[in-house]
């Protein structure tokens, strides 16, 4: 509830709050749900949490300083993340893995459009077919993959928008380079605004 109240403020002072507000558009609404009411287990947990918050000391004593404990937790999470990300049996996120095979805490993507390109989840025929949204292909008829990378690098229907992006560029370069990433966003926006000229329905 407190988070929603902060988001409603006209001039929030917290940068994180401003970022969240920028991500929320007219298609997204946030609501507070009284999840604990009427559910015995949740009400008991809520009661215990309130009682614990009133105690002058904690029941659990760490064998090391809090800062060291947090550091060890972060290190453990990084090891687990790396192991999961590099696991050959892991079938999820493999497209993104082909672009970013190593894990890192550094932030390299801050755009919804770039995230779509990095995950291959976005406004393209291959994605539409995968999730049974609609059946369509590129009007140029030049690429059977029908993914975002096609119209970002190769499609003749978007060639007039490509000045920095080259067909020889890796997708990682396009995403992480400032100039090419801006151009990629412009191309993705153009395709969404001119869907009828780029896609054609399958019979």
Protein backbone atom coordinates (compact mmCIF):
# COMPACT_ATOMS: atom_id res chain seq x y z
CA UNK A 1 0.00 0.00 0.00
CA UNK A 2 2.81 2.42 0.90
CA UNK A 3 4.46 1.75 -2.47
CA UNK A 4 1.28 2.63 -4.36
CA UNK A 5 0.92 5.84 -2.34
CA UNK A 6 4.47 6.86 -3.22
CA UNK A 7 3.81 6.19 -6.92
CA UNK A 8 0.78 8.50 -6.76
CA UNK A 9 2.87 11.48 -5.63
CA UNK A 10 3.32 14.15 -8.29
CA UNK A 11 6.97 14.79 -7.50
CA UNK A 12 8.61 11.66 -6.07
CA UNK A 13 12.14 12.19 -4.73
CA UNK A 14 13.30 8.62 -5.22
CA UNK A 15 14.90 7.73 -8.58
CA UNK A 16 13.55 4.17 -8.39
CA UNK A 17 10.02 5.50 -8.02
CA UNK A 18 10.50 7.69 -11.09
CA UNK A 19 11.76 4.70 -13.09
CA UNK A 20 8.75 2.60 -12.06
CA UNK A 21 6.35 5.40 -13.01
CA UNK A 22 8.03 5.68 -16.40
CA UNK A 23 7.48 1.96 -17.01
CA UNK A 24 3.80 2.05 -16.07
CA UNK A 25 1.64 3.19 -18.98
CA UNK A 26 -2.07 3.22 -19.74
CA UNK A 27 -2.10 -0.53 -20.29
CA UNK A 28 -0.83 -1.28 -16.77
CA UNK A 29 -2.62 -0.56 -13.52
CA UNK A 30 -1.45 -1.33 -10.00
CA UNK A 31 -3.82 -2.36 -7.21
CA UNK A 32 -3.45 -3.22 -3.56
CA UNK A 33 -5.02 -6.56 -2.65
CA UNK A 34 -5.81 -7.49 0.95
CA UNK A 35 -4.16 -10.87 0.58
CA UNK A 36 -4.06 -11.69 4.32
CA UNK A 37 -7.74 -11.20 5.07
CA UNK A 38 -9.71 -14.42 5.26
CA UNK A 39 -6.70 -16.70 4.80
CA UNK A 40 -5.72 -18.27 8.13
CA UNK A 41 -2.12 -19.05 7.20
CA UNK A 42 -1.45 -15.56 5.88
CA UNK A 43 -3.12 -13.92 8.85
CA UNK A 44 -0.98 -15.99 11.23
CA UNK A 45 2.17 -15.06 9.32
CA UNK A 46 1.18 -11.39 9.39
CA UNK A 47 0.55 -11.54 13.13
CA UNK A 48 3.91 -13.22 13.78
CA UNK A 49 5.70 -10.64 11.64
CA UNK A 50 4.12 -7.77 13.58
CA UNK A 51 5.03 -9.37 16.91
CA UNK A 52 8.60 -9.94 15.76
CA UNK A 53 8.95 -6.31 14.68
CA UNK A 54 8.21 -5.19 18.26
CA UNK A 55 11.06 -7.21 19.80
CA UNK A 56 14.06 -5.21 21.00
CA UNK A 57 16.50 -7.81 19.68
CA UNK A 58 16.54 -10.49 16.98
CA UNK A 59 16.16 -14.21 17.70
CA UNK A 60 18.84 -15.17 15.19
CA UNK A 61 22.42 -14.05 15.68
CA UNK A 62 24.76 -14.15 12.71
CA UNK A 63 28.29 -15.49 13.25
CA UNK A 64 29.66 -12.59 11.19
CA UNK A 65 28.93 -8.90 10.60
CA UNK A 66 25.81 -8.03 8.61
CA UNK A 67 27.83 -6.49 5.77
CA UNK A 68 29.95 -9.64 5.42
CA UNK A 69 26.82 -11.78 5.49
CA UNK A 70 25.27 -9.75 2.66
CA UNK A 71 28.47 -10.02 0.65
CA UNK A 72 28.52 -13.80 1.05
CA UNK A 73 24.86 -14.02 0.02
CA UNK A 74 25.56 -12.00 -3.13
CA UNK A 75 28.53 -14.20 -3.97
CA UNK A 76 26.46 -17.35 -3.46
CA UNK A 77 23.68 -16.01 -5.67
CA UNK A 78 26.18 -15.13 -8.41
CA UNK A 79 27.62 -18.66 -8.32
CA UNK A 80 24.13 -20.17 -8.50
CA UNK A 81 23.09 -17.82 -11.31
CA UNK A 82 26.23 -18.61 -13.30
CA UNK A 83 25.75 -22.36 -12.82
CA UNK A 84 22.11 -22.21 -13.90
CA UNK A 85 22.81 -19.90 -16.85
CA UNK A 86 25.60 -22.09 -18.22
CA UNK A 87 23.80 -25.40 -17.63
CA UNK A 88 23.48 -27.18 -20.99
CA UNK A 89 20.26 -28.83 -19.77
CA UNK A 90 18.64 -25.45 -19.23
CA UNK A 91 16.30 -24.83 -22.17
CA UNK A 92 15.06 -21.39 -21.13
CA UNK A 93 16.65 -18.14 -22.22
CA UNK A 94 18.94 -19.80 -24.74
CA UNK A 95 18.47 -17.05 -27.31
CA UNK A 96 19.60 -14.48 -24.76
CA UNK A 97 22.41 -16.81 -23.68
CA UNK A 98 23.73 -16.81 -27.25
CA UNK A 99 24.10 -13.03 -26.94
CA UNK A 100 25.21 -12.81 -23.31
CA UNK A 101 26.84 -16.14 -22.37
CA UNK A 102 28.34 -14.73 -19.18
CA UNK A 103 26.46 -13.46 -16.15
CA UNK A 104 27.07 -9.95 -14.90
CA UNK A 105 25.54 -7.53 -12.44
CA UNK A 106 26.20 -4.63 -14.77
CA UNK A 107 23.10 -3.23 -16.43
CA UNK A 108 23.30 -3.12 -20.20
CA UNK A 109 19.62 -2.92 -21.19
CA UNK A 110 17.29 -0.13 -20.11
CA UNK A 111 14.71 -0.20 -22.88
CA UNK A 112 11.66 -2.37 -23.45
CA UNK A 113 12.44 -2.55 -27.17
CA UNK A 114 16.02 -3.65 -26.53
CA UNK A 115 14.78 -6.27 -24.06
CA UNK A 116 12.51 -7.64 -26.79
CA UNK A 117 15.45 -7.91 -29.17
CA UNK A 118 17.65 -9.58 -26.54
CA UNK A 119 15.01 -12.18 -25.69
CA UNK A 120 13.47 -12.59 -29.17
CA UNK A 121 10.10 -11.88 -27.56
CA UNK A 122 8.42 -9.08 -29.41
CA UNK A 123 6.67 -7.68 -32.42
CA UNK A 124 7.58 -10.20 -35.13
CA UNK A 125 5.92 -13.11 -37.01
CA UNK A 126 7.94 -15.84 -35.28
CA UNK A 127 6.78 -14.59 -31.87
CA UNK A 128 3.18 -14.27 -33.03
CA UNK A 129 3.15 -17.85 -34.29
CA UNK A 130 4.89 -19.23 -31.22
CA UNK A 131 2.20 -17.90 -28.92
CA UNK A 132 -0.70 -18.40 -31.36
CA UNK A 133 -1.39 -14.68 -31.61
CA UNK A 134 -1.72 -14.56 -35.39
CA UNK A 135 -0.22 -16.11 -38.51
CA UNK A 136 1.80 -13.70 -40.63
CA UNK A 137 5.14 -13.29 -42.41
CA UNK A 138 7.34 -10.45 -43.60
CA UNK A 139 6.14 -8.95 -46.88
CA UNK A 140 9.69 -8.96 -48.24
CA UNK A 141 9.65 -12.78 -48.21
CA UNK A 142 13.41 -12.93 -47.77
CA UNK A 143 13.79 -14.61 -44.39
CA UNK A 144 12.20 -17.77 -43.03
CA UNK A 145 13.11 -17.02 -39.40
CA UNK A 146 10.76 -14.03 -39.28
CA UNK A 147 12.34 -12.66 -36.11
CA UNK A 148 13.34 -9.22 -34.84
CA UNK A 149 16.91 -9.60 -36.02
CA UNK A 150 15.72 -9.88 -39.62
CA UNK A 151 14.10 -6.47 -39.86
CA UNK A 152 16.79 -4.95 -37.63
CA UNK A 153 19.66 -6.01 -39.91
CA UNK A 154 18.52 -7.49 -43.19
CA UNK A 155 14.96 -6.61 -44.21
CA UNK A 156 14.80 -4.32 -47.29
CA UNK A 157 11.59 -2.80 -45.92
CA UNK A 158 13.56 -1.16 -43.11
CA UNK A 159 16.80 -0.49 -45.00
CA UNK A 160 16.07 3.25 -45.16
CA UNK A 161 16.35 3.36 -41.37
CA UNK A 162 19.71 1.60 -41.14
CA UNK A 163 22.67 3.96 -41.10
CA UNK A 164 24.74 2.58 -38.22
CA UNK A 165 23.63 -1.06 -38.13
CA UNK A 166 25.47 -3.43 -40.46
CA UNK A 167 24.58 -6.97 -41.51
CA UNK A 168 27.97 -8.09 -40.15
CA UNK A 169 27.28 -6.76 -36.67
CA UNK A 170 26.55 -9.22 -33.90
CA UNK A 171 23.27 -8.73 -32.08
CA UNK A 172 25.27 -8.11 -28.92
CA UNK A 173 27.08 -5.20 -30.57
CA UNK A 174 23.82 -3.73 -31.83
CA UNK A 175 22.23 -3.97 -28.38
CA UNK A 176 25.15 -2.66 -26.32
CA UNK A 177 26.48 0.04 -28.64
CA UNK A 178 24.82 3.39 -27.98
CA UNK A 179 24.45 4.47 -31.62
CA UNK A 180 23.23 1.14 -33.00
CA UNK A 181 20.89 0.52 -30.05
CA UNK A 182 19.19 3.87 -30.68
CA UNK A 183 18.78 2.94 -34.32
CA UNK A 184 17.41 -0.47 -33.35
CA UNK A 185 14.77 1.16 -31.15
CA UNK A 186 13.78 3.44 -34.04
CA UNK A 187 13.42 0.43 -36.36
CA UNK A 188 11.33 -1.52 -33.84
CA UNK A 189 9.06 1.48 -33.31
CA UNK A 190 8.71 1.96 -37.06
CA UNK A 191 7.65 -1.66 -37.57
CA UNK A 192 5.01 -1.40 -34.85
CA UNK A 193 3.64 1.83 -36.33
CA UNK A 194 3.62 0.43 -39.89
CA UNK A 195 2.61 -3.16 -39.24
CA UNK A 196 0.44 -3.40 -42.36
CA UNK A 197 3.34 -2.46 -44.63
CA UNK A 198 5.80 -4.88 -43.00
CA UNK A 199 3.69 -7.98 -42.27
CA UNK A 200 1.24 -9.93 -44.40
CA UNK A 201 -1.35 -12.38 -43.16
CA UNK A 202 -0.94 -16.04 -44.03
CA UNK A 203 -3.80 -17.80 -45.78
